[in-house]
């Protein structure tokens, strides 16, 4: 049997993690049917944000690294398009696999579709209905260039149906007649698979002396929060007040870019105020196994990350979402999370409300933990 070659394109940290599920399924169940070529665009270029994830998650070393780095959206996307087109012409894959909604996603989808290579979009159908977010534009465009669309939730299926996607399945899919599947979430696959490994290997709870201390986990990385001085200050004002009112520590793993924005946008006096509050611990980016440990042990999670929102839900942790909208509407509708934007009073009110609740979740809305297997089966049968 001739193997189908799939070219997987990743660039940002969440995509590296998501790719682990598919790579694991290919190596363990589809090794005789699928060959994976891994391309890293280099969108996240810090060692702590990329290399460590490949190592600890057992993802094969990328065959190619475009080393694009950060920069303006147009510059990044153009550099990726140019590099990816060259690789596609050389490798001639059966399909290109993309994840989510980053610049790497839209660049790979466009490069492939333009030269008639089928696009497989994992995490299709998600909508925040807020086109001011670059991610929203990326995910919409990627969906409409895809041949196979793998949707993690029922809400995503509903979104695609409203946009005119036909939901009946064809024996062979094409870009003009794509197949749309409700498959579950590969991140739920990963959370189940790596939770036990995290418990065995991660030492971050003891390293940070959190064994006997309740704490709040916070992550901030979206441009709307990090690049706006008012928004960034409002979030930190809320964190300062939270440690006083709850007496809990705040653990904040910081993307290098966010750390730079704190230094450039916040006043020296306010930075000193943050620094002098010893219960707010700014740490380097955490590996995925450490993040799972932090999420599972946190009392409350405060984040603007889509992935962390879901992981909070998987582990039945209350979550304050530092955004006005979310593509993961299920976690809000379930009452496990509250949208606050970057507004101090709303953040504090939501935190107080959530801390008083006994959060109940139903992770089954994100699948059965075998989404990656399903995706591989359909790549084999539908292309």
Protein backbone atom coordinates (compact mmCIF):
# COMPACT_ATOMS: atom_id res chain seq x y z
CA UNK A 1 0.00 0.00 0.00
CA UNK A 2 1.33 3.44 -0.97
CA UNK A 3 1.38 5.80 1.98
CA UNK A 4 -0.38 9.13 1.81
CA UNK A 5 2.03 11.94 2.64
CA UNK A 6 0.62 14.68 4.85
CA UNK A 7 2.51 17.88 5.51
CA UNK A 8 1.69 19.27 8.96
CA UNK A 9 2.31 22.98 9.50
CA UNK A 10 2.75 24.34 13.02
CA UNK A 11 4.17 27.57 14.34
CA UNK A 12 2.71 28.68 17.67
CA UNK A 13 2.97 26.84 20.95
CA UNK A 14 -0.67 25.58 21.02
CA UNK A 15 -0.25 24.05 17.57
CA UNK A 16 2.86 22.20 18.66
CA UNK A 17 0.85 20.66 21.48
CA UNK A 18 -2.12 19.81 19.23
CA UNK A 19 0.19 18.18 16.68
CA UNK A 20 1.31 15.72 19.35
CA UNK A 21 -2.07 13.96 19.23
CA UNK A 22 -1.98 13.43 15.46
CA UNK A 23 1.71 12.42 15.38
CA UNK A 24 1.01 9.91 18.16
CA UNK A 25 -1.92 8.40 16.26
CA UNK A 26 0.07 8.16 13.03
CA UNK A 27 3.04 6.43 14.66
CA UNK A 28 0.96 4.00 16.73
CA UNK A 29 -1.97 3.17 14.42
CA UNK A 30 -1.46 4.51 10.88
CA UNK A 31 2.25 4.03 10.26
CA UNK A 32 1.54 1.83 7.24
CA UNK A 33 -0.93 4.32 5.70
CA UNK A 34 0.33 7.81 6.49
CA UNK A 35 3.69 9.55 6.31
CA UNK A 36 3.97 12.86 8.15
CA UNK A 37 6.32 15.68 7.15
CA UNK A 38 6.46 18.33 9.89
CA UNK A 39 7.07 22.01 9.08
CA UNK A 40 7.68 24.52 11.86
CA UNK A 41 7.25 28.11 10.67
CA UNK A 42 9.16 29.47 13.66
CA UNK A 43 6.30 31.81 14.61
CA UNK A 44 7.20 31.09 18.23
CA UNK A 45 10.97 31.12 18.25
CA UNK A 46 11.89 31.23 21.95
CA UNK A 47 13.48 27.97 23.15
CA UNK A 48 11.03 27.71 26.05
CA UNK A 49 8.08 28.19 23.73
CA UNK A 50 8.91 25.55 21.11
CA UNK A 51 11.88 23.20 21.47
CA UNK A 52 10.96 22.03 24.96
CA UNK A 53 7.49 21.06 23.78
CA UNK A 54 8.81 18.85 21.00
CA UNK A 55 11.03 17.07 23.50
CA UNK A 56 8.57 16.50 26.33
CA UNK A 57 5.57 15.68 24.16
CA UNK A 58 7.45 13.20 21.99
CA UNK A 59 6.76 15.06 18.74
CA UNK A 60 9.15 14.21 15.91
CA UNK A 61 11.74 16.87 15.16
CA UNK A 62 10.49 19.12 12.32
CA UNK A 63 11.79 18.28 8.87
CA UNK A 64 11.78 22.00 8.06
CA UNK A 65 11.97 25.20 10.15
CA UNK A 66 11.27 28.49 8.38
CA UNK A 67 12.53 30.50 11.39
CA UNK A 68 10.14 33.36 10.56
CA UNK A 69 9.99 34.76 14.10
CA UNK A 70 7.58 37.45 15.26
CA UNK A 71 6.74 40.67 13.47
CA UNK A 72 3.93 42.47 11.66
CA UNK A 73 1.14 40.20 10.42
CA UNK A 74 1.76 40.95 6.75
CA UNK A 75 5.50 40.42 6.99
CA UNK A 76 5.13 37.12 8.87
CA UNK A 77 2.43 35.76 6.58
CA UNK A 78 4.32 36.71 3.42
CA UNK A 79 7.53 35.07 4.63
CA UNK A 80 5.61 31.90 5.52
CA UNK A 81 3.81 31.82 2.17
CA UNK A 82 7.07 32.04 0.28
CA UNK A 83 8.82 29.37 2.35
CA UNK A 84 5.87 27.00 2.41
CA UNK A 85 5.27 27.15 -1.33
CA UNK A 86 8.85 26.03 -1.95
CA UNK A 87 8.47 23.12 0.47
CA UNK A 88 5.12 22.06 -1.01
CA UNK A 89 6.52 21.99 -4.52
CA UNK A 90 9.39 19.82 -3.31
CA UNK A 91 7.41 17.40 -1.09
CA UNK A 92 4.21 17.14 -3.19
CA UNK A 93 2.07 15.96 -0.27
CA UNK A 94 -1.38 14.41 -0.53
CA UNK A 95 -2.66 17.06 1.87
CA UNK A 96 -1.59 19.87 4.19
CA UNK A 97 -2.76 19.74 7.81
CA UNK A 98 -3.29 23.03 9.66
CA UNK A 99 -4.46 23.77 13.19
CA UNK A 100 -6.54 26.57 14.62
CA UNK A 101 -6.27 30.20 13.63
CA UNK A 102 -2.73 31.60 13.58
CA UNK A 103 -0.74 33.30 10.82
CA UNK A 104 0.91 29.91 10.22
CA UNK A 105 -2.56 28.43 9.64
CA UNK A 106 -3.70 30.97 7.07
CA UNK A 107 -0.33 31.00 5.27
CA UNK A 108 -0.26 27.21 4.93
CA UNK A 109 -3.91 27.00 3.84
CA UNK A 110 -3.44 29.67 1.19
CA UNK A 111 -0.14 28.29 -0.09
CA UNK A 112 -1.63 24.80 -0.46
CA UNK A 113 -5.01 25.78 -1.90
CA UNK A 114 -3.38 28.01 -4.54
CA UNK A 115 -1.49 25.03 -5.98
CA UNK A 116 -4.42 22.61 -5.58
CA UNK A 117 -3.20 20.62 -2.59
CA UNK A 118 -6.10 19.66 -0.26
CA UNK A 119 -6.16 21.43 3.11
CA UNK A 120 -7.14 19.56 6.28
CA UNK A 121 -8.27 22.05 8.95
CA UNK A 122 -8.30 20.77 12.53
CA UNK A 123 -10.35 23.02 14.86
CA UNK A 124 -12.61 24.13 12.03
CA UNK A 125 -15.90 25.92 12.56
CA UNK A 126 -14.96 28.01 15.58
CA UNK A 127 -16.27 31.57 15.61
CA UNK A 128 -15.98 34.43 18.11
CA UNK A 129 -18.03 36.67 15.76
CA UNK A 130 -15.47 39.43 16.30
CA UNK A 131 -13.58 40.16 13.11
CA UNK A 132 -11.34 42.72 14.79
CA UNK A 133 -9.44 39.66 16.05
CA UNK A 134 -6.85 38.51 13.47
CA UNK A 135 -7.54 34.94 14.59
CA UNK A 136 -11.18 35.21 13.52
CA UNK A 137 -10.20 36.23 10.00
CA UNK A 138 -7.65 33.42 9.83
CA UNK A 139 -10.05 30.69 10.91
CA UNK A 140 -12.85 31.81 8.58
CA UNK A 141 -10.53 31.98 5.57
CA UNK A 142 -8.88 28.64 6.39
CA UNK A 143 -12.26 26.91 6.61
CA UNK A 144 -13.27 28.18 3.19
CA UNK A 145 -10.04 26.89 1.61
CA UNK A 146 -10.27 23.43 3.18
CA UNK A 147 -11.19 20.05 1.75
CA UNK A 148 -11.59 18.29 5.10
CA UNK A 149 -12.90 20.24 8.08
CA UNK A 150 -12.63 18.62 11.51
CA UNK A 151 -14.87 20.38 14.04
CA UNK A 152 -14.37 19.87 17.79
CA UNK A 153 -17.88 20.81 18.98
CA UNK A 154 -21.51 20.88 17.87
CA UNK A 155 -21.48 24.69 17.99
CA UNK A 156 -18.81 24.64 15.29
CA UNK A 157 -20.96 22.41 13.08
CA UNK A 158 -23.85 24.86 13.48
CA UNK A 159 -21.59 27.77 12.51
CA UNK A 160 -20.45 26.07 9.31
CA UNK A 161 -23.99 25.10 8.33
CA UNK A 162 -25.04 28.75 8.67
CA UNK A 163 -22.16 29.72 6.36
CA UNK A 164 -23.44 27.38 3.66
CA UNK A 165 -21.27 24.30 4.18
CA UNK A 166 -22.97 21.09 3.08
CA UNK A 167 -22.90 18.56 5.92
CA UNK A 168 -23.51 15.39 3.92
CA UNK A 169 -20.37 13.36 3.27
CA UNK A 170 -18.89 12.50 -0.11
CA UNK A 171 -16.78 9.41 -0.84
CA UNK A 172 -13.97 11.71 -1.98
CA UNK A 173 -13.84 15.30 -0.77
CA UNK A 174 -12.69 18.31 -2.78
CA UNK A 175 -12.21 21.99 -2.05
CA UNK A 176 -15.53 22.71 -3.82
CA UNK A 177 -17.29 19.82 -2.09
CA UNK A 178 -15.55 19.50 1.30
CA UNK A 179 -16.41 17.00 4.00
CA UNK A 180 -17.24 18.39 7.44
CA UNK A 181 -16.90 16.16 10.49
CA UNK A 182 -17.77 16.60 14.16
CA UNK A 183 -14.76 14.76 15.58
CA UNK A 184 -14.12 16.02 19.11
CA UNK A 185 -11.10 17.98 20.28
CA UNK A 186 -7.51 16.78 19.89
CA UNK A 187 -6.65 18.82 22.99
CA UNK A 188 -9.02 16.65 25.00
CA UNK A 189 -7.10 13.64 23.62
CA UNK A 190 -3.89 15.25 24.85
CA UNK A 191 -5.22 16.27 28.24
CA UNK A 192 -6.25 12.68 28.95
CA UNK A 193 -3.00 11.24 27.61
CA UNK A 194 -0.62 13.64 29.32
CA UNK A 195 -2.38 14.15 32.66
CA UNK A 196 -0.89 10.95 34.08
CA UNK A 197 2.53 11.76 32.64
CA UNK A 198 2.35 15.21 34.20
CA UNK A 199 1.58 13.72 37.61
CA UNK A 200 4.66 11.49 37.27
CA UNK A 201 7.15 13.97 35.83
CA UNK A 202 6.20 17.56 36.66
CA UNK A 203 7.80 19.06 39.77
CA UNK A 204 6.56 22.62 39.28
CA UNK A 205 4.11 22.55 42.21
CA UNK A 206 6.87 21.72 44.68
CA UNK A 207 9.41 23.88 42.86
CA UNK A 208 7.16 26.91 43.41
CA UNK A 209 6.30 25.82 46.99
CA UNK A 210 2.61 25.51 46.10
CA UNK A 211 1.89 22.14 47.74
CA UNK A 212 0.09 23.64 50.70
CA UNK A 213 -0.85 26.99 49.12
CA UNK A 214 -4.03 27.67 47.15
CA UNK A 215 -3.20 29.70 44.05
CA UNK A 216 -4.60 31.37 40.96
CA UNK A 217 -3.10 30.55 37.56
CA UNK A 218 -3.03 33.42 35.05
CA UNK A 219 -1.93 33.63 31.41
CA UNK A 220 -1.92 36.77 29.21
CA UNK A 221 -0.78 36.81 25.60
CA UNK A 222 -3.39 38.27 23.22
CA UNK A 223 -2.52 41.51 21.44
CA UNK A 224 -5.73 43.16 22.65
CA UNK A 225 -4.47 42.79 26.22
CA UNK A 226 -0.69 42.96 25.89
CA UNK A 227 -0.43 45.85 23.40
CA UNK A 228 -2.91 48.17 25.13
CA UNK A 229 -1.46 49.93 28.17
CA UNK A 230 -4.90 50.52 29.70
CA UNK A 231 -5.95 46.89 29.28
CA UNK A 232 -2.65 45.55 30.61
CA UNK A 233 -2.75 47.84 33.65
CA UNK A 234 -6.39 46.95 34.36
CA UNK A 235 -5.57 43.24 34.38
CA UNK A 236 -2.66 43.71 36.76
CA UNK A 237 -4.74 45.96 39.00
CA UNK A 238 -7.23 43.10 39.23
CA UNK A 239 -4.46 40.61 40.03
CA UNK A 240 -3.08 42.87 42.77
CA UNK A 241 -6.52 43.17 44.30
CA UNK A 242 -7.16 39.42 43.97
CA UNK A 243 -4.11 38.47 46.02
CA UNK A 244 -5.21 40.87 48.74
CA UNK A 245 -8.84 39.75 48.84
CA UNK A 246 -8.21 36.01 48.52
CA UNK A 247 -4.77 35.75 50.16
CA UNK A 248 -3.87 33.40 47.31
CA UNK A 249 -0.74 33.52 45.17
CA UNK A 250 -1.00 34.32 41.46
CA UNK A 251 1.25 32.26 39.19
CA UNK A 252 1.78 33.95 35.83
CA UNK A 253 3.92 32.16 33.20
CA UNK A 254 4.99 34.96 30.87
CA UNK A 255 5.55 34.83 27.11
CA UNK A 256 8.75 36.82 26.38
CA UNK A 257 6.72 39.26 24.29
CA UNK A 258 4.31 39.93 27.18
CA UNK A 259 7.22 40.50 29.55
CA UNK A 260 8.56 43.09 27.10
CA UNK A 261 5.19 44.84 26.90
CA UNK A 262 4.98 45.09 30.69
CA UNK A 263 8.34 46.83 30.69
CA UNK A 264 7.51 49.21 27.83
CA UNK A 265 3.85 50.06 28.54
CA UNK A 266 3.46 50.15 32.32
CA UNK A 267 4.88 52.97 34.40
CA UNK A 268 8.01 52.26 36.45
CA UNK A 269 6.02 52.98 39.62
CA UNK A 270 3.34 50.44 38.71
CA UNK A 271 5.95 47.87 37.69
CA UNK A 272 7.52 48.31 41.10
CA UNK A 273 4.12 47.79 42.71
CA UNK A 274 3.79 44.45 40.88
CA UNK A 275 7.34 43.46 41.76
CA UNK A 276 6.87 44.28 45.45
CA UNK A 277 3.79 42.02 45.70
CA UNK A 278 5.58 38.76 46.39
CA UNK A 279 2.40 36.71 46.00
CA UNK A 280 2.38 37.52 42.27
CA UNK A 281 4.99 35.21 40.78
CA UNK A 282 6.06 35.98 37.21
CA UNK A 283 7.71 32.84 35.87
CA UNK A 284 9.16 31.74 32.53
CA UNK A 285 6.84 29.98 30.04
CA UNK A 286 5.88 26.58 31.42
CA UNK A 287 6.15 23.31 29.50
CA UNK A 288 2.89 21.51 28.73
CA UNK A 289 3.33 18.93 31.49
CA UNK A 290 3.95 21.75 33.98
CA UNK A 291 0.93 23.68 32.66
CA UNK A 292 -1.27 20.64 33.21
CA UNK A 293 0.03 20.38 36.78
CA UNK A 294 -0.66 24.08 37.37
CA UNK A 295 -4.14 23.84 35.86
CA UNK A 296 -5.09 20.73 37.84
CA UNK A 297 -3.94 22.27 41.12
CA UNK A 298 -5.11 25.87 40.67
CA UNK A 299 -8.10 27.16 42.60
CA UNK A 300 -9.01 29.58 39.80
CA UNK A 301 -7.73 30.19 36.25
CA UNK A 302 -7.59 33.67 34.69
CA UNK A 303 -6.68 33.67 30.99
CA UNK A 304 -7.11 35.08 27.50
CA UNK A 305 -6.01 31.78 25.91
CA UNK A 306 -8.53 29.65 24.07
CA UNK A 307 -6.60 26.49 24.88
CA UNK A 308 -6.32 27.23 28.59
CA UNK A 309 -10.06 27.98 28.72
CA UNK A 310 -10.75 24.46 27.51
CA UNK A 311 -8.17 22.83 29.75
CA UNK A 312 -9.73 24.61 32.73
CA UNK A 313 -13.03 23.02 31.70
CA UNK A 314 -11.45 19.58 31.24
CA UNK A 315 -10.12 19.73 34.81
CA UNK A 316 -13.31 21.29 36.29
CA UNK A 317 -11.60 24.56 37.23
CA UNK A 318 -13.47 27.90 37.25
CA UNK A 319 -12.15 30.28 34.62
CA UNK A 320 -12.18 34.06 34.17
CA UNK A 321 -11.78 34.81 30.45
CA UNK A 322 -9.97 38.09 29.77
CA UNK A 323 -11.81 38.63 26.48
CA UNK A 324 -15.09 40.13 25.32
CA UNK A 325 -15.95 37.09 23.18
CA UNK A 326 -14.82 33.48 22.95
CA UNK A 327 -14.90 30.85 20.23
CA UNK A 328 -15.38 28.24 22.98
CA UNK A 329 -18.93 29.27 23.87
CA UNK A 330 -19.62 25.90 25.50
CA UNK A 331 -17.50 26.63 28.57
CA UNK A 332 -19.38 29.88 29.21
CA UNK A 333 -22.80 28.37 28.54
CA UNK A 334 -21.98 25.59 31.04
CA UNK A 335 -21.40 28.22 33.73
CA UNK A 336 -17.77 27.16 34.19
CA UNK A 337 -16.32 30.43 32.85
CA UNK A 338 -17.20 34.12 32.70
CA UNK A 339 -16.18 36.63 30.03
CA UNK A 340 -14.86 39.88 31.53
CA UNK A 341 -12.61 41.56 29.01
CA UNK A 342 -9.77 43.58 30.52
CA UNK A 343 -11.95 45.37 33.07
CA UNK A 344 -10.77 45.37 36.67
CA UNK A 345 -14.18 45.45 38.34
CA UNK A 346 -15.60 42.74 36.08
CA UNK A 347 -12.57 40.49 36.62
CA UNK A 348 -12.87 40.82 40.40
CA UNK A 349 -16.63 40.24 40.38
CA UNK A 350 -16.31 37.16 38.16
CA UNK A 351 -13.51 35.73 40.31
CA UNK A 352 -15.56 36.19 43.47
CA UNK A 353 -18.60 34.59 41.86
CA UNK A 354 -16.67 31.60 40.47
CA UNK A 355 -14.71 30.94 43.66
CA UNK A 356 -18.02 30.57 45.51
CA UNK A 357 -19.29 27.92 43.07
CA UNK A 358 -18.86 24.18 42.80
CA UNK A 359 -17.99 23.87 39.11
CA UNK A 360 -19.46 20.86 37.31
CA UNK A 361 -18.29 20.08 33.78
CA UNK A 362 -19.05 17.55 31.04
CA UNK A 363 -15.86 17.08 29.00
CA UNK A 364 -17.75 14.68 26.70
CA UNK A 365 -18.95 17.71 24.73
CA UNK A 366 -15.34 17.81 23.47
CA UNK A 367 -15.37 14.19 22.30
CA UNK A 368 -14.29 10.78 23.55
CA UNK A 369 -10.53 11.29 23.64
CA UNK A 370 -9.99 9.65 20.23
CA UNK A 371 -10.35 12.62 17.88
CA UNK A 372 -6.89 12.12 16.34
CA UNK A 373 -7.68 8.51 15.40
CA UNK A 374 -10.92 9.60 13.73
CA UNK A 375 -9.09 12.35 11.80
CA UNK A 376 -6.48 9.92 10.50
CA UNK A 377 -9.18 7.46 9.39
CA UNK A 378 -10.94 10.15 7.35
CA UNK A 379 -7.71 11.44 5.79
CA UNK A 380 -7.07 7.88 4.62
CA UNK A 381 -10.58 7.35 3.25
CA UNK A 382 -11.64 10.76 1.93
CA UNK A 383 -8.60 12.00 0.00
